[in-house]
Amino acid sequence: MSSQQLPGGTVQDLPPKGGFAPIQYKRNLPARGFRPSYYLFAVVGLCTYGFYKLSLGMDEKRELQRERLWSRIYLTPMLQAEADRDNYRRRLASEARSADIMKNIPGFDAEAKVYHGRHVEPTFVLTPSAK
């Protein structure tokens, strides 16, 4: 720094000869990490992979549902036969109980039909609702 004597006896500071050095006023932020486009590509790639795996899982779930449905369809006759045998056994047991209870009543026939028609068991297949 240089100084200059003024007429009133005061001293004034002046810049040095050739001026001051330039002042660094810009921020020095070094680039950290990858470029943003790399992160974007990574996220898109991960999402694509995730949706691919999701679609594979949905396909497998759909195949398992189809397999379960067809196994139920194929098992229906066997299950229906078991239910028919069980109903027949229960009907015979019920008629035997009725005959035992009403054995002292004259004119009672345990095997007589109460309803005058043909009994038809409902047959249907339970299938999952389409969503």
N, C-alpha and C. Protein backbone atom coordinates (compact mmCIF):
# COMPACT_ATOMS: atom_id res chain seq x y z
N MET A 1 0.85 -1.17 0.00
CA MET A 1 0.00 0.00 0.00
C MET A 1 0.89 1.23 0.00
N SER A 2 0.39 2.15 -0.66
CA SER A 2 1.13 3.43 -0.63
C SER A 2 0.24 4.48 0.00
N SER A 3 0.83 5.50 0.44
CA SER A 3 0.05 6.57 1.04
C SER A 3 0.47 7.89 0.41
N GLN A 4 -0.39 8.81 0.51
CA GLN A 4 -0.13 10.11 -0.11
C GLN A 4 -0.43 11.17 0.95
N GLN A 5 0.47 12.14 1.02
CA GLN A 5 0.31 13.22 1.98
C GLN A 5 -0.56 14.29 1.35
N LEU A 6 -1.64 14.63 2.04
CA LEU A 6 -2.54 15.67 1.55
C LEU A 6 -2.16 17.01 2.19
N PRO A 7 -2.66 18.12 1.62
CA PRO A 7 -2.25 19.43 2.14
C PRO A 7 -2.65 19.67 3.59
N GLY A 8 -3.67 19.09 4.11
CA GLY A 8 -4.08 19.35 5.48
C GLY A 8 -3.33 18.54 6.49
N GLY A 9 -2.37 17.78 6.07
CA GLY A 9 -1.60 16.96 6.96
C GLY A 9 -2.17 15.56 7.14
N THR A 10 -3.19 15.28 6.40
CA THR A 10 -3.76 13.94 6.51
C THR A 10 -3.12 13.02 5.50
N VAL A 11 -3.20 11.76 5.81
CA VAL A 11 -2.59 10.76 4.93
C VAL A 11 -3.72 9.94 4.32
N GLN A 12 -3.67 9.75 3.04
CA GLN A 12 -4.69 8.96 2.34
C GLN A 12 -4.03 7.70 1.80
N ASP A 13 -4.71 6.56 2.09
CA ASP A 13 -4.20 5.29 1.55
C ASP A 13 -4.60 5.17 0.10
N LEU A 14 -3.70 4.66 -0.70
CA LEU A 14 -3.94 4.47 -2.13
C LEU A 14 -3.62 3.02 -2.49
N PRO A 15 -4.18 2.55 -3.61
CA PRO A 15 -3.85 1.19 -4.04
C PRO A 15 -2.39 1.10 -4.43
N PRO A 16 -1.85 -0.10 -4.41
CA PRO A 16 -0.46 -0.24 -4.82
C PRO A 16 -0.30 0.06 -6.30
N LYS A 17 0.91 0.29 -6.68
CA LYS A 17 1.19 0.55 -8.10
C LYS A 17 0.86 -0.71 -8.91
N GLY A 18 0.10 -0.61 -9.92
CA GLY A 18 -0.32 -1.75 -10.75
C GLY A 18 -1.64 -2.35 -10.28
N GLY A 19 -2.21 -1.87 -9.17
CA GLY A 19 -3.52 -2.34 -8.71
C GLY A 19 -3.44 -3.58 -7.84
N PHE A 20 -4.57 -3.88 -7.27
CA PHE A 20 -4.67 -5.07 -6.44
C PHE A 20 -4.78 -6.31 -7.31
N ALA A 21 -4.49 -7.44 -6.73
CA ALA A 21 -4.66 -8.72 -7.44
C ALA A 21 -6.16 -8.99 -7.58
N PRO A 22 -6.56 -9.69 -8.63
CA PRO A 22 -7.99 -9.96 -8.81
C PRO A 22 -8.54 -10.78 -7.62
N ILE A 23 -9.77 -10.47 -7.25
CA ILE A 23 -10.43 -11.15 -6.14
C ILE A 23 -11.21 -12.35 -6.69
N GLN A 24 -11.01 -13.51 -6.05
CA GLN A 24 -11.75 -14.71 -6.49
C GLN A 24 -13.13 -14.66 -5.82
N TYR A 25 -14.17 -14.44 -6.62
CA TYR A 25 -15.52 -14.34 -6.07
C TYR A 25 -16.41 -15.49 -6.53
N LYS A 26 -15.94 -16.29 -7.47
CA LYS A 26 -16.74 -17.43 -7.93
C LYS A 26 -16.55 -18.59 -6.96
N ARG A 27 -17.65 -19.39 -6.79
CA ARG A 27 -17.58 -20.55 -5.91
C ARG A 27 -16.80 -21.67 -6.59
N ASN A 28 -15.99 -22.30 -5.82
CA ASN A 28 -15.22 -23.42 -6.34
C ASN A 28 -15.88 -24.71 -5.84
N LEU A 29 -16.84 -25.21 -6.61
CA LEU A 29 -17.53 -26.44 -6.25
C LEU A 29 -17.06 -27.54 -7.19
N PRO A 30 -16.23 -28.43 -6.70
CA PRO A 30 -15.79 -29.51 -7.58
C PRO A 30 -16.95 -30.44 -7.89
N ALA A 31 -16.93 -31.01 -9.07
CA ALA A 31 -17.99 -31.95 -9.48
C ALA A 31 -17.84 -33.22 -8.65
N ARG A 32 -18.92 -33.60 -7.95
CA ARG A 32 -18.90 -34.81 -7.14
C ARG A 32 -19.85 -35.82 -7.76
N GLY A 33 -19.44 -37.06 -7.81
CA GLY A 33 -20.30 -38.10 -8.34
C GLY A 33 -20.31 -38.11 -9.86
N PHE A 34 -21.27 -38.84 -10.39
CA PHE A 34 -21.39 -38.97 -11.84
C PHE A 34 -22.25 -37.85 -12.41
N ARG A 35 -22.26 -37.80 -13.70
CA ARG A 35 -23.13 -36.82 -14.35
C ARG A 35 -24.59 -37.22 -14.10
N PRO A 36 -25.49 -36.25 -14.06
CA PRO A 36 -26.91 -36.57 -13.78
C PRO A 36 -27.51 -37.54 -14.79
N SER A 37 -27.05 -37.50 -16.02
CA SER A 37 -27.62 -38.42 -17.01
C SER A 37 -27.31 -39.88 -16.65
N TYR A 38 -26.14 -40.12 -16.02
CA TYR A 38 -25.82 -41.49 -15.60
C TYR A 38 -26.81 -41.97 -14.54
N TYR A 39 -27.14 -41.10 -13.60
CA TYR A 39 -28.11 -41.46 -12.57
C TYR A 39 -29.48 -41.73 -13.21
N LEU A 40 -29.86 -40.91 -14.17
CA LEU A 40 -31.14 -41.11 -14.85
C LEU A 40 -31.17 -42.47 -15.55
N PHE A 41 -30.10 -42.79 -16.26
CA PHE A 41 -30.05 -44.09 -16.95
C PHE A 41 -30.09 -45.24 -15.94
N ALA A 42 -29.42 -45.07 -14.80
CA ALA A 42 -29.42 -46.12 -13.78
C ALA A 42 -30.83 -46.33 -13.23
N VAL A 43 -31.55 -45.26 -12.95
CA VAL A 43 -32.91 -45.37 -12.41
C VAL A 43 -33.83 -46.01 -13.45
N VAL A 44 -33.72 -45.58 -14.69
CA VAL A 44 -34.55 -46.17 -15.76
C VAL A 44 -34.24 -47.66 -15.91
N GLY A 45 -32.96 -48.01 -15.84
CA GLY A 45 -32.58 -49.42 -15.95
C GLY A 45 -33.13 -50.25 -14.79
N LEU A 46 -33.02 -49.72 -13.58
CA LEU A 46 -33.55 -50.45 -12.42
C LEU A 46 -35.06 -50.60 -12.51
N CYS A 47 -35.75 -49.56 -12.92
CA CYS A 47 -37.22 -49.64 -13.05
C CYS A 47 -37.60 -50.65 -14.13
N THR A 48 -36.88 -50.64 -15.23
CA THR A 48 -37.16 -51.60 -16.31
C THR A 48 -36.97 -53.03 -15.81
N TYR A 49 -35.87 -53.27 -15.10
CA TYR A 49 -35.62 -54.61 -14.55
C TYR A 49 -36.72 -54.99 -13.56
N GLY A 50 -37.13 -54.06 -12.71
CA GLY A 50 -38.19 -54.34 -11.74
C GLY A 50 -39.51 -54.67 -12.40
N PHE A 51 -39.87 -53.92 -13.43
CA PHE A 51 -41.13 -54.21 -14.13
C PHE A 51 -41.05 -55.54 -14.87
N TYR A 52 -39.86 -55.88 -15.37
CA TYR A 52 -39.68 -57.18 -16.03
C TYR A 52 -39.91 -58.32 -15.03
N LYS A 53 -39.29 -58.21 -13.85
CA LYS A 53 -39.47 -59.24 -12.83
C LYS A 53 -40.92 -59.28 -12.35
N LEU A 54 -41.56 -58.12 -12.25
CA LEU A 54 -42.97 -58.07 -11.85
C LEU A 54 -43.83 -58.80 -12.87
N SER A 55 -43.57 -58.58 -14.15
CA SER A 55 -44.37 -59.26 -15.17
C SER A 55 -44.14 -60.77 -15.13
N LEU A 56 -42.90 -61.20 -14.85
CA LEU A 56 -42.65 -62.64 -14.72
C LEU A 56 -43.42 -63.22 -13.54
N GLY A 57 -43.44 -62.49 -12.43
CA GLY A 57 -44.19 -62.95 -11.26
C GLY A 57 -45.67 -63.01 -11.53
N MET A 58 -46.20 -62.02 -12.25
CA MET A 58 -47.63 -62.02 -12.57
C MET A 58 -47.97 -63.18 -13.50
N ASP A 59 -47.07 -63.46 -14.45
CA ASP A 59 -47.31 -64.61 -15.34
C ASP A 59 -47.34 -65.91 -14.56
N GLU A 60 -46.40 -66.07 -13.62
CA GLU A 60 -46.38 -67.29 -12.83
C GLU A 60 -47.62 -67.40 -11.95
N LYS A 61 -48.04 -66.29 -11.37
CA LYS A 61 -49.25 -66.30 -10.54
C LYS A 61 -50.47 -66.68 -11.38
N ARG A 62 -50.56 -66.13 -12.58
CA ARG A 62 -51.68 -66.45 -13.46
C ARG A 62 -51.67 -67.93 -13.84
N GLU A 63 -50.48 -68.47 -14.09
CA GLU A 63 -50.37 -69.89 -14.44
C GLU A 63 -50.78 -70.77 -13.25
N LEU A 64 -50.39 -70.38 -12.04
CA LEU A 64 -50.77 -71.15 -10.86
C LEU A 64 -52.28 -71.10 -10.64
N GLN A 65 -52.88 -69.94 -10.87
CA GLN A 65 -54.34 -69.83 -10.75
C GLN A 65 -55.03 -70.72 -11.77
N ARG A 66 -54.52 -70.73 -13.00
CA ARG A 66 -55.11 -71.57 -14.04
C ARG A 66 -54.95 -73.05 -13.67
N GLU A 67 -53.79 -73.42 -13.17
CA GLU A 67 -53.56 -74.80 -12.77
C GLU A 67 -54.49 -75.20 -11.62
N ARG A 68 -54.66 -74.30 -10.64
CA ARG A 68 -55.55 -74.60 -9.52
C ARG A 68 -56.99 -74.76 -10.00
N LEU A 69 -57.41 -73.90 -10.93
CA LEU A 69 -58.77 -73.98 -11.47
C LEU A 69 -58.99 -75.31 -12.18
N TRP A 70 -58.06 -75.70 -13.04
CA TRP A 70 -58.23 -76.95 -13.78
C TRP A 70 -58.12 -78.16 -12.87
N SER A 71 -57.30 -78.08 -11.83
CA SER A 71 -57.25 -79.22 -10.90
C SER A 71 -58.58 -79.36 -10.17
N ARG A 72 -59.21 -78.24 -9.83
CA ARG A 72 -60.53 -78.31 -9.20
C ARG A 72 -61.56 -78.86 -10.18
N ILE A 73 -61.48 -78.45 -11.43
CA ILE A 73 -62.43 -78.96 -12.43
C ILE A 73 -62.26 -80.47 -12.59
N TYR A 74 -61.00 -80.94 -12.62
CA TYR A 74 -60.76 -82.37 -12.79
C TYR A 74 -61.14 -83.17 -11.55
N LEU A 75 -61.05 -82.55 -10.37
CA LEU A 75 -61.38 -83.26 -9.13
C LEU A 75 -62.88 -83.23 -8.82
N THR A 76 -63.64 -82.41 -9.52
CA THR A 76 -65.06 -82.26 -9.22
C THR A 76 -65.83 -83.58 -9.28
N PRO A 77 -65.66 -84.43 -10.30
CA PRO A 77 -66.42 -85.69 -10.32
C PRO A 77 -66.11 -86.58 -9.11
N MET A 78 -64.83 -86.66 -8.73
CA MET A 78 -64.48 -87.48 -7.58
C MET A 78 -65.09 -86.91 -6.30
N LEU A 79 -65.00 -85.60 -6.12
CA LEU A 79 -65.58 -84.97 -4.93
C LEU A 79 -67.10 -85.12 -4.92
N GLN A 80 -67.71 -85.03 -6.10
CA GLN A 80 -69.17 -85.20 -6.19
C GLN A 80 -69.56 -86.64 -5.84
N ALA A 81 -68.76 -87.61 -6.29
CA ALA A 81 -69.05 -89.01 -5.96
C ALA A 81 -68.93 -89.23 -4.45
N GLU A 82 -67.92 -88.63 -3.84
CA GLU A 82 -67.79 -88.75 -2.38
C GLU A 82 -68.99 -88.13 -1.68
N ALA A 83 -69.42 -86.97 -2.14
CA ALA A 83 -70.58 -86.31 -1.53
C ALA A 83 -71.83 -87.16 -1.73
N ASP A 84 -71.99 -87.77 -2.91
CA ASP A 84 -73.15 -88.63 -3.16
C ASP A 84 -73.15 -89.84 -2.23
N ARG A 85 -71.98 -90.47 -2.06
CA ARG A 85 -71.89 -91.61 -1.15
C ARG A 85 -72.20 -91.19 0.29
N ASP A 86 -71.71 -90.02 0.68
CA ASP A 86 -71.98 -89.53 2.04
C ASP A 86 -73.46 -89.24 2.22
N ASN A 87 -74.08 -88.59 1.22
CA ASN A 87 -75.52 -88.30 1.32
C ASN A 87 -76.33 -89.59 1.36
N TYR A 88 -75.94 -90.59 0.58
CA TYR A 88 -76.65 -91.87 0.58
C TYR A 88 -76.53 -92.54 1.95
N ARG A 89 -75.32 -92.54 2.51
CA ARG A 89 -75.11 -93.12 3.83
C ARG A 89 -75.94 -92.40 4.89
N ARG A 90 -75.97 -91.06 4.82
CA ARG A 90 -76.75 -90.29 5.78
C ARG A 90 -78.26 -90.56 5.63
N ARG A 91 -78.72 -90.70 4.38
CA ARG A 91 -80.14 -90.98 4.15
C ARG A 91 -80.52 -92.34 4.71
N LEU A 92 -79.69 -93.34 4.49
CA LEU A 92 -79.96 -94.66 5.05
C LEU A 92 -79.97 -94.62 6.58
N ALA A 93 -79.03 -93.87 7.17
CA ALA A 93 -78.99 -93.76 8.63
C ALA A 93 -80.23 -93.04 9.14
N SER A 94 -80.66 -92.00 8.42
CA SER A 94 -81.86 -91.26 8.83
C SER A 94 -83.10 -92.15 8.74
N GLU A 95 -83.22 -92.94 7.67
CA GLU A 95 -84.36 -93.86 7.53
C GLU A 95 -84.33 -94.92 8.63
N ALA A 96 -83.15 -95.39 8.98
CA ALA A 96 -83.05 -96.40 10.05
C ALA A 96 -83.46 -95.80 11.39
N ARG A 97 -83.04 -94.55 11.65
CA ARG A 97 -83.46 -93.89 12.89
C ARG A 97 -84.97 -93.68 12.92
N SER A 98 -85.53 -93.24 11.77
CA SER A 98 -86.99 -93.03 11.70
C SER A 98 -87.73 -94.35 11.91
N ALA A 99 -87.26 -95.41 11.30
CA ALA A 99 -87.92 -96.72 11.46
C ALA A 99 -87.83 -97.19 12.90
N ASP A 100 -86.69 -96.92 13.56
CA ASP A 100 -86.53 -97.33 14.95
C ASP A 100 -87.44 -96.53 15.87
N ILE A 101 -87.54 -95.23 15.61
CA ILE A 101 -88.39 -94.37 16.45
C ILE A 101 -89.87 -94.70 16.24
N MET A 102 -90.29 -94.93 15.00
CA MET A 102 -91.70 -95.11 14.67
C MET A 102 -92.09 -96.58 14.54
N LYS A 103 -91.35 -97.50 15.11
CA LYS A 103 -91.63 -98.93 14.93
C LYS A 103 -92.97 -99.36 15.55
N ASN A 104 -93.45 -98.62 16.54
CA ASN A 104 -94.71 -98.99 17.19
C ASN A 104 -95.92 -98.32 16.55
N ILE A 105 -95.72 -97.47 15.54
CA ILE A 105 -96.83 -96.78 14.87
C ILE A 105 -97.28 -97.65 13.70
N PRO A 106 -98.57 -98.09 13.68
CA PRO A 106 -99.02 -98.93 12.56
C PRO A 106 -99.19 -98.09 11.29
N GLY A 107 -98.82 -98.64 10.16
CA GLY A 107 -98.98 -98.00 8.86
C GLY A 107 -97.86 -97.02 8.50
N PHE A 108 -96.83 -96.90 9.33
CA PHE A 108 -95.72 -95.99 9.02
C PHE A 108 -94.69 -96.72 8.17
N ASP A 109 -94.33 -96.10 7.07
CA ASP A 109 -93.31 -96.66 6.19
C ASP A 109 -92.14 -95.69 6.16
N ALA A 110 -91.00 -96.10 6.68
CA ALA A 110 -89.82 -95.21 6.75
C ALA A 110 -89.26 -94.91 5.37
N GLU A 111 -89.49 -95.79 4.41
CA GLU A 111 -88.93 -95.59 3.08
C GLU A 111 -89.87 -94.86 2.15
N ALA A 112 -91.07 -94.50 2.62
CA ALA A 112 -92.02 -93.78 1.76
C ALA A 112 -91.49 -92.37 1.50
N LYS A 113 -91.70 -91.89 0.28
CA LYS A 113 -91.23 -90.56 -0.08
C LYS A 113 -92.16 -89.51 0.49
N VAL A 114 -91.55 -88.48 1.03
CA VAL A 114 -92.34 -87.37 1.57
C VAL A 114 -92.78 -86.47 0.43
N TYR A 115 -91.88 -86.24 -0.49
CA TYR A 115 -92.18 -85.39 -1.64
C TYR A 115 -92.44 -86.29 -2.83
N HIS A 116 -93.39 -85.90 -3.67
CA HIS A 116 -93.75 -86.72 -4.83
C HIS A 116 -93.07 -86.14 -6.06
N GLY A 117 -91.85 -86.42 -6.23
CA GLY A 117 -91.07 -85.93 -7.37
C GLY A 117 -89.68 -86.55 -7.32
N ARG A 118 -88.89 -86.16 -8.26
CA ARG A 118 -87.55 -86.71 -8.35
C ARG A 118 -86.58 -85.72 -7.74
N HIS A 119 -85.74 -86.17 -6.81
CA HIS A 119 -84.74 -85.30 -6.19
C HIS A 119 -83.52 -85.22 -7.10
N VAL A 120 -83.12 -84.02 -7.41
CA VAL A 120 -81.96 -83.82 -8.25
C VAL A 120 -80.95 -82.98 -7.47
N GLU A 121 -79.75 -83.54 -7.31
CA GLU A 121 -78.69 -82.79 -6.63
C GLU A 121 -78.20 -81.69 -7.57
N PRO A 122 -77.99 -80.49 -7.06
CA PRO A 122 -77.45 -79.44 -7.92
C PRO A 122 -75.98 -79.74 -8.24
N THR A 123 -75.64 -79.60 -9.49
CA THR A 123 -74.25 -79.80 -9.89
C THR A 123 -73.74 -78.51 -10.50
N PHE A 124 -72.64 -78.05 -9.97
CA PHE A 124 -72.03 -76.84 -10.49
C PHE A 124 -70.55 -76.87 -10.14
N VAL A 125 -69.80 -76.06 -10.84
CA VAL A 125 -68.37 -75.97 -10.62
C VAL A 125 -68.07 -74.58 -10.11
N LEU A 126 -67.37 -74.50 -9.00
CA LEU A 126 -66.98 -73.20 -8.47
C LEU A 126 -65.73 -72.73 -9.20
N THR A 127 -65.86 -71.61 -9.87
CA THR A 127 -64.71 -71.03 -10.55
C THR A 127 -64.47 -69.64 -10.00
N PRO A 128 -63.23 -69.18 -9.98
CA PRO A 128 -62.97 -67.83 -9.47
C PRO A 128 -63.55 -66.79 -10.42
N SER A 129 -63.96 -65.70 -9.84
CA SER A 129 -64.55 -64.64 -10.66
C SER A 129 -63.47 -63.98 -11.50
N ALA A 130 -63.83 -63.57 -12.69
CA ALA A 130 -62.90 -62.88 -13.58
C ALA A 130 -62.74 -61.46 -13.09
N LYS A 131 -61.50 -61.07 -12.86
CA LYS A 131 -61.25 -59.72 -12.34
C LYS A 131 -60.75 -58.82 -13.43
